[in-house]
């Protein structure tokens, strides 16, 4: 019995921003280009601007000039054809009858391809299922991205330690008021020098930190909880780091200390339970129950959510938030996940602690190295 031919796979996207394309080609290209996999053969269709660089660096078997295909479609017309017409021409020339595309495939391109009699289907779940289980090489690249992340965190702690409380408990550093903006710039500069690309680094103090994705603004204060959430991309490989620490410059009061210690205990509980075959939701619920026992319920107060109202963790790799969400899957060996419980109460502040782990058969391997201290 003849085996069914492998369904062609098609991506049209810039690899700078599309993780599936970067995973397939291992080269950064800022404009959309064409990737076609037919019976295991990988073909890239590229502009004249990119093709020679791609031949040296990209993971592919064949390289085709887009301009040549464009001339074939244009013929004697004075007007250059639309990109999607060249794309459809290329697919017909290659004898593609059906192809699988990512769920985010451009609709305009899909419509033109279908008009030419080529059937498309989107992937149900991951376009590249292999992305879920990290290889030894990918784990090494993730570790390097985390070392870049830790460089930024180290710079943050150095500056906080060197700062002193001034009028109104505002921290002073290098002769001026230390703000979230100044500290973020210092963190991001350290990341750049280490080979990373900083993205929306969070330096949020006091009640600002009760909005978990608030980047932070204005003066930072002594004796207040400050959340640092740093998630740069390795400029060379595209893999992401992600780490959160919460600290107080000075002395934490009893409420702050109890909040921080509850978060740390919640994370410790999660790290002990993460292993292949465990339902992620059971870990999330166990953390929530621990927080409840310690007097930190998740509820609505004065019209806003307080407590632990976000997920326990997410996948990490060529995307900052990639499949899977920790509490929505049965854990599998080889998954790379963040573990980041948090608590948020206006009047006390916010606390979140985050590390990156690889799920293993009998536990997890923690890739993050940076220490966890409440007071600086």
Protein backbone atom coordinates (compact mmCIF):
# COMPACT_ATOMS: atom_id res chain seq x y z
CA UNK A 1 0.00 0.00 0.00
CA UNK A 2 1.46 3.36 -1.05
CA UNK A 3 2.14 5.83 1.73
CA UNK A 4 0.24 9.09 1.61
CA UNK A 5 2.52 11.95 0.53
CA UNK A 6 3.40 14.43 3.25
CA UNK A 7 1.22 17.54 3.22
CA UNK A 8 3.22 20.57 2.08
CA UNK A 9 3.83 23.21 4.74
CA UNK A 10 3.75 26.90 3.87
CA UNK A 11 4.66 30.02 5.85
CA UNK A 12 4.78 33.59 4.52
CA UNK A 13 6.05 35.91 7.25
CA UNK A 14 9.07 37.86 8.52
CA UNK A 15 11.18 35.66 10.79
CA UNK A 16 12.01 38.70 12.94
CA UNK A 17 8.52 38.54 14.44
CA UNK A 18 7.16 35.10 13.49
CA UNK A 19 8.42 32.32 15.74
CA UNK A 20 7.32 29.50 13.42
CA UNK A 21 9.35 31.01 10.56
CA UNK A 22 12.38 31.58 12.77
CA UNK A 23 12.15 28.00 14.07
CA UNK A 24 12.04 26.70 10.50
CA UNK A 25 14.82 28.84 9.03
CA UNK A 26 17.05 30.01 11.92
CA UNK A 27 17.69 33.38 10.28
CA UNK A 28 16.36 36.86 11.11
CA UNK A 29 14.70 38.57 8.12
CA UNK A 30 12.58 41.67 8.68
CA UNK A 31 10.29 41.46 5.63
CA UNK A 32 7.89 38.62 4.74
CA UNK A 33 9.38 35.79 2.68
CA UNK A 34 8.17 32.37 1.57
CA UNK A 35 8.98 29.04 3.22
CA UNK A 36 7.76 25.85 1.53
CA UNK A 37 8.40 22.33 2.78
CA UNK A 38 7.57 19.56 0.32
CA UNK A 39 8.42 15.93 1.10
CA UNK A 40 11.06 17.05 3.57
CA UNK A 41 12.71 19.56 1.20
CA UNK A 42 12.79 23.14 2.49
CA UNK A 43 12.70 25.96 -0.05
CA UNK A 44 12.99 29.69 0.69
CA UNK A 45 11.85 32.37 -1.74
CA UNK A 46 13.71 35.56 -0.95
CA UNK A 47 14.35 39.05 -2.21
CA UNK A 48 17.63 39.81 -3.98
CA UNK A 49 18.52 41.77 -0.85
CA UNK A 50 18.41 38.72 1.42
CA UNK A 51 19.21 35.66 -0.69
CA UNK A 52 23.01 35.62 -0.45
CA UNK A 53 22.98 36.11 3.32
CA UNK A 54 20.37 33.38 3.64
CA UNK A 55 22.45 30.94 1.58
CA UNK A 56 25.22 31.34 4.17
CA UNK A 57 23.08 31.27 7.32
CA UNK A 58 19.60 29.86 6.84
CA UNK A 59 18.45 26.30 7.48
CA UNK A 60 17.10 25.33 4.03
CA UNK A 61 17.80 23.09 1.04
CA UNK A 62 16.98 25.45 -1.82
CA UNK A 63 16.94 29.22 -2.36
CA UNK A 64 14.81 30.89 -5.04
CA UNK A 65 14.87 34.53 -6.14
CA UNK A 66 11.51 36.24 -5.74
CA UNK A 67 12.44 38.66 -8.53
CA UNK A 68 12.70 35.82 -11.05
CA UNK A 69 9.20 34.56 -10.17
CA UNK A 70 7.94 38.14 -10.30
CA UNK A 71 9.26 38.56 -13.86
CA UNK A 72 7.53 35.32 -14.90
CA UNK A 73 4.17 36.62 -13.63
CA UNK A 74 4.63 40.18 -14.91
CA UNK A 75 5.49 39.16 -18.46
CA UNK A 76 5.14 42.21 -20.72
CA UNK A 77 2.96 44.15 -18.29
CA UNK A 78 4.33 47.49 -17.09
CA UNK A 79 2.95 46.96 -13.61
CA UNK A 80 4.62 44.67 -11.09
CA UNK A 81 2.27 41.91 -9.86
CA UNK A 82 0.93 41.78 -6.30
CA UNK A 83 2.92 39.62 -3.87
CA UNK A 84 0.12 37.09 -3.48
CA UNK A 85 -0.04 36.51 -7.25
CA UNK A 86 3.68 35.68 -7.30
CA UNK A 87 3.16 33.40 -4.29
CA UNK A 88 0.30 31.53 -5.99
CA UNK A 89 2.38 31.22 -9.19
CA UNK A 90 5.26 29.71 -7.23
CA UNK A 91 2.99 27.15 -5.54
CA UNK A 92 1.38 26.08 -8.84
CA UNK A 93 4.83 25.84 -10.44
CA UNK A 94 5.86 23.49 -7.64
CA UNK A 95 2.76 21.36 -8.12
CA UNK A 96 1.30 22.15 -4.70
CA UNK A 97 -2.35 21.05 -4.51
CA UNK A 98 -2.81 21.30 -0.74
CA UNK A 99 -0.77 22.92 2.01
CA UNK A 100 -0.86 23.38 5.75
CA UNK A 101 -0.40 26.96 7.01
CA UNK A 102 -0.17 28.52 10.50
CA UNK A 103 -3.36 29.85 12.06
CA UNK A 104 -2.11 33.45 11.54
CA UNK A 105 -1.57 33.04 7.78
CA UNK A 106 -2.55 36.27 5.93
CA UNK A 107 -6.14 36.13 4.67
CA UNK A 108 -5.41 38.07 1.46
CA UNK A 109 -2.71 35.58 0.49
CA UNK A 110 -4.98 32.65 1.37
CA UNK A 111 -7.81 33.99 -0.81
CA UNK A 112 -5.55 34.31 -3.87
CA UNK A 113 -4.07 30.85 -3.34
CA UNK A 114 -7.54 29.31 -3.09
CA UNK A 115 -8.63 31.14 -6.27
CA UNK A 116 -5.83 29.27 -8.03
CA UNK A 117 -7.30 25.95 -6.93
CA UNK A 118 -4.87 25.21 -4.08
CA UNK A 119 -6.49 24.01 -0.84
CA UNK A 120 -5.20 25.32 2.49
CA UNK A 121 -5.72 24.00 5.98
CA UNK A 122 -4.57 25.52 9.24
CA UNK A 123 -2.70 23.61 11.88
CA UNK A 124 -4.79 22.38 14.80
CA UNK A 125 -2.53 23.53 17.62
CA UNK A 126 1.19 23.99 17.10
CA UNK A 127 2.35 24.41 13.50
CA UNK A 128 5.65 22.76 14.47
CA UNK A 129 4.70 20.26 17.22
CA UNK A 130 8.41 19.70 17.94
CA UNK A 131 8.60 23.22 19.40
CA UNK A 132 6.87 22.03 22.58
CA UNK A 133 9.70 19.71 23.63
CA UNK A 134 12.99 21.58 23.92
CA UNK A 135 16.13 19.91 22.62
CA UNK A 136 19.42 19.98 24.55
CA UNK A 137 20.60 22.73 22.19
CA UNK A 138 17.45 24.79 22.79
CA UNK A 139 17.88 24.42 26.55
CA UNK A 140 21.43 25.74 26.18
CA UNK A 141 20.11 28.74 24.23
CA UNK A 142 17.43 29.38 26.85
CA UNK A 143 20.07 29.26 29.58
CA UNK A 144 22.10 31.85 27.70
CA UNK A 145 19.04 34.09 27.37
CA UNK A 146 18.55 33.78 31.13
CA UNK A 147 22.15 34.75 31.81
CA UNK A 148 21.45 37.93 29.79
CA UNK A 149 18.30 38.47 31.88
CA UNK A 150 20.26 38.04 35.09
CA UNK A 151 22.76 40.67 33.94
CA UNK A 152 19.90 43.16 33.88
CA UNK A 153 18.61 42.02 37.28
CA UNK A 154 22.10 42.30 38.78
CA UNK A 155 22.37 45.89 37.55
CA UNK A 156 18.98 46.70 39.10
CA UNK A 157 20.07 45.38 42.50
CA UNK A 158 23.42 47.21 42.34
CA UNK A 159 21.66 50.53 41.78
CA UNK A 160 19.02 49.91 44.44
CA UNK A 161 21.75 49.01 46.93
CA UNK A 162 23.62 52.22 46.10
CA UNK A 163 20.49 54.37 46.45
CA UNK A 164 19.54 56.20 49.68
CA UNK A 165 16.18 57.40 50.97
CA UNK A 166 15.57 61.14 50.65
CA UNK A 167 12.64 63.47 51.31
CA UNK A 168 9.31 61.62 51.42
CA UNK A 169 11.20 58.30 51.33
CA UNK A 170 12.00 58.88 47.65
CA UNK A 171 15.14 56.98 46.71
CA UNK A 172 18.11 59.06 45.54
CA UNK A 173 20.84 57.71 43.28
CA UNK A 174 23.75 59.46 41.64
CA UNK A 175 22.53 62.84 42.86
CA UNK A 176 18.94 62.59 41.59
CA UNK A 177 15.62 60.96 42.42
CA UNK A 178 15.62 57.32 41.34
CA UNK A 179 12.61 56.69 39.10
CA UNK A 180 11.24 53.58 37.43
CA UNK A 181 12.28 55.14 34.11
CA UNK A 182 15.91 55.68 35.18
CA UNK A 183 16.24 52.21 36.65
CA UNK A 184 14.60 50.60 33.60
CA UNK A 185 17.07 52.42 31.32
CA UNK A 186 19.98 51.10 33.38
CA UNK A 187 18.61 47.54 33.27
CA UNK A 188 17.97 47.75 29.53
CA UNK A 189 21.44 49.17 28.85
CA UNK A 190 23.04 46.27 30.73
CA UNK A 191 20.94 43.83 28.69
CA UNK A 192 21.99 45.45 25.42
CA UNK A 193 25.65 45.24 26.37
CA UNK A 194 25.17 41.56 27.23
CA UNK A 195 23.76 40.80 23.78
CA UNK A 196 20.04 41.00 24.51
CA UNK A 197 17.12 43.04 23.23
CA UNK A 198 15.12 44.50 26.16
CA UNK A 199 11.33 44.55 25.84
CA UNK A 200 8.95 46.41 28.16
CA UNK A 201 10.98 45.78 31.31
CA UNK A 202 8.80 46.19 34.42
CA UNK A 203 10.05 48.27 37.35
CA UNK A 204 6.88 48.88 39.35
CA UNK A 205 6.76 50.00 42.97
CA UNK A 206 4.05 50.27 45.61
CA UNK A 207 0.46 50.08 44.30
CA UNK A 208 1.62 50.38 40.66
CA UNK A 209 2.73 46.76 40.96
CA UNK A 210 -0.87 45.69 41.68
CA UNK A 211 -1.42 45.90 37.93
CA UNK A 212 0.88 43.00 36.94
CA UNK A 213 1.78 44.39 33.48
CA UNK A 214 2.23 48.02 34.56
CA UNK A 215 5.77 48.95 33.48
CA UNK A 216 6.17 51.47 36.32
CA UNK A 217 6.69 55.22 36.34
CA UNK A 218 7.85 58.00 38.61
CA UNK A 219 9.90 57.98 41.83
CA UNK A 220 10.71 54.74 43.65
CA UNK A 221 10.40 54.71 47.41
CA UNK A 222 12.29 53.18 50.31
CA UNK A 223 10.51 50.49 52.34
CA UNK A 224 8.09 49.69 49.47
CA UNK A 225 7.72 46.48 47.46
CA UNK A 226 9.20 46.85 43.96
CA UNK A 227 8.58 44.25 41.25
CA UNK A 228 11.28 43.72 38.60
CA UNK A 229 10.07 41.61 35.67
CA UNK A 230 12.79 41.37 33.02
CA UNK A 231 12.22 39.46 29.76
CA UNK A 232 14.79 40.17 27.04
CA UNK A 233 15.35 38.32 23.79
CA UNK A 234 18.78 37.01 22.86
CA UNK A 235 19.66 39.15 19.84
CA UNK A 236 21.64 36.34 18.23
CA UNK A 237 19.25 33.38 18.60
CA UNK A 238 15.77 34.83 19.24
CA UNK A 239 15.23 32.80 22.43
CA UNK A 240 13.73 34.64 25.40
CA UNK A 241 14.67 34.95 29.02
CA UNK A 242 12.11 35.77 31.71
CA UNK A 243 12.61 36.44 35.40
CA UNK A 244 10.83 38.30 38.18
CA UNK A 245 12.08 39.34 41.59
CA UNK A 246 10.37 41.49 44.22
CA UNK A 247 12.42 43.49 46.71
CA UNK A 248 12.26 46.28 49.26
CA UNK A 249 15.04 48.87 49.47
CA UNK A 250 15.25 49.24 53.22
CA UNK A 251 12.95 47.49 55.65
CA UNK A 252 9.79 45.54 54.85
CA UNK A 253 6.88 45.91 57.26
CA UNK A 254 5.01 42.88 58.60
CA UNK A 255 2.31 42.90 55.88
CA UNK A 256 4.87 43.20 53.08
CA UNK A 257 6.96 40.41 54.56
CA UNK A 258 3.97 38.07 54.93
CA UNK A 259 2.90 38.80 51.36
CA UNK A 260 6.39 38.15 49.94
CA UNK A 261 6.89 35.01 52.03
CA UNK A 262 3.53 33.63 50.89
CA UNK A 263 4.52 34.17 47.24
CA UNK A 264 7.89 32.50 47.80
CA UNK A 265 6.19 29.57 49.54
CA UNK A 266 3.70 29.29 46.67
CA UNK A 267 6.51 29.17 44.14
CA UNK A 268 8.45 26.60 46.21
CA UNK A 269 5.34 24.43 46.35
CA UNK A 270 4.93 24.67 42.57
CA UNK A 271 8.57 23.90 41.83
CA UNK A 272 8.31 20.74 43.95
CA UNK A 273 5.21 19.55 42.11
CA UNK A 274 6.21 20.24 38.51
CA UNK A 275 6.95 16.97 36.72
CA UNK A 276 5.76 15.04 33.68
CA UNK A 277 2.24 13.64 34.01
CA UNK A 278 0.99 16.24 36.51
CA UNK A 279 -2.11 18.30 35.70
CA UNK A 280 -0.95 21.93 35.69
CA UNK A 281 -4.28 23.10 37.08
CA UNK A 282 -3.70 21.04 40.25
CA UNK A 283 -0.52 23.06 40.86
CA UNK A 284 -2.34 26.35 40.28
CA UNK A 285 -5.11 25.35 42.69
CA UNK A 286 -2.61 24.23 45.33
CA UNK A 287 -0.94 27.65 45.24
CA UNK A 288 -4.32 29.41 45.52
CA UNK A 289 -5.22 27.24 48.52
CA UNK A 290 -1.88 28.01 50.20
CA UNK A 291 -2.50 31.73 49.70
CA UNK A 292 -6.00 31.39 51.17
CA UNK A 293 -4.64 29.61 54.24
CA UNK A 294 -2.14 32.42 54.73
CA UNK A 295 -4.88 35.05 54.62
CA UNK A 296 -4.45 36.19 51.01
CA UNK A 297 -7.71 35.32 49.19
CA UNK A 298 -8.34 36.08 45.53
CA UNK A 299 -11.46 38.24 45.25
CA UNK A 300 -12.89 41.58 44.13
CA UNK A 301 -12.44 44.54 46.48
CA UNK A 302 -13.65 48.04 45.64
CA UNK A 303 -14.24 47.04 42.04
CA UNK A 304 -10.83 45.54 41.35
CA UNK A 305 -9.25 42.10 41.49
CA UNK A 306 -6.89 41.36 44.36
CA UNK A 307 -4.91 38.26 45.31
CA UNK A 308 -3.65 35.74 42.75
CA UNK A 309 -5.60 36.49 39.59
CA UNK A 310 -3.24 35.44 36.81
CA UNK A 311 -1.85 32.13 35.63
CA UNK A 312 0.95 30.25 37.38
CA UNK A 313 3.16 30.13 34.29
CA UNK A 314 3.54 29.98 30.53
CA UNK A 315 5.68 28.37 27.88
CA UNK A 316 8.94 30.09 26.93
CA UNK A 317 11.13 29.70 23.86
CA UNK A 318 11.10 31.65 20.60
CA UNK A 319 8.07 33.52 21.96
CA UNK A 320 7.76 35.19 25.35
CA UNK A 321 4.33 33.60 25.86
CA UNK A 322 4.20 30.37 23.89
CA UNK A 323 2.33 27.11 24.26
CA UNK A 324 1.56 25.76 26.82
CA UNK A 325 -0.04 27.67 29.69
CA UNK A 326 1.04 25.77 32.80
CA UNK A 327 -2.43 25.46 34.34
CA UNK A 328 -4.11 24.37 31.09
CA UNK A 329 -2.16 21.20 30.26
CA UNK A 330 -0.93 17.87 31.51
CA UNK A 331 2.79 18.51 31.90
CA UNK A 332 5.21 16.72 29.57
CA UNK A 333 8.95 16.13 29.77
CA UNK A 334 10.88 18.71 27.77
CA UNK A 335 8.44 21.59 28.14
CA UNK A 336 10.00 24.93 29.12
CA UNK A 337 7.77 26.85 31.53
CA UNK A 338 7.85 29.85 33.81
CA UNK A 339 6.65 29.43 37.39
CA UNK A 340 5.49 32.82 38.64
CA UNK A 341 2.81 33.10 41.32
CA UNK A 342 2.01 36.57 42.56
CA UNK A 343 -0.14 38.47 45.07
CA UNK A 344 -1.48 42.00 44.65
CA UNK A 345 -3.20 44.13 47.29
CA UNK A 346 -3.42 47.93 46.99
CA UNK A 347 -2.17 49.41 50.24
CA UNK A 348 0.40 46.64 50.69
CA UNK A 349 1.69 46.38 47.13
CA UNK A 350 2.45 43.53 44.77
CA UNK A 351 4.89 40.62 44.89
CA UNK A 352 5.79 38.13 42.17
CA UNK A 353 8.68 35.67 41.91
CA UNK A 354 9.43 33.96 38.61
CA UNK A 355 11.86 31.31 37.46
CA UNK A 356 12.17 29.19 34.31
CA UNK A 357 12.13 25.40 34.44
CA UNK A 358 12.38 22.40 32.15
CA UNK A 359 9.82 19.70 32.96
CA UNK A 360 11.45 16.31 33.53
CA UNK A 361 10.15 12.80 34.20
CA UNK A 362 10.64 12.99 37.98
CA UNK A 363 10.64 16.74 38.64
CA UNK A 364 11.97 19.86 36.99
CA UNK A 365 15.29 21.46 36.22
CA UNK A 366 15.44 25.12 37.29
CA UNK A 367 17.34 27.16 34.69
CA UNK A 368 17.26 30.47 36.61
CA UNK A 369 20.16 31.19 38.97
CA UNK A 370 19.48 34.61 40.51
CA UNK A 371 18.96 34.66 44.31
CA UNK A 372 15.69 35.64 46.02
CA UNK A 373 16.01 38.22 48.81
CA UNK A 374 13.27 40.48 50.11
CA UNK A 375 15.39 43.30 51.52
CA UNK A 376 18.19 45.14 49.74
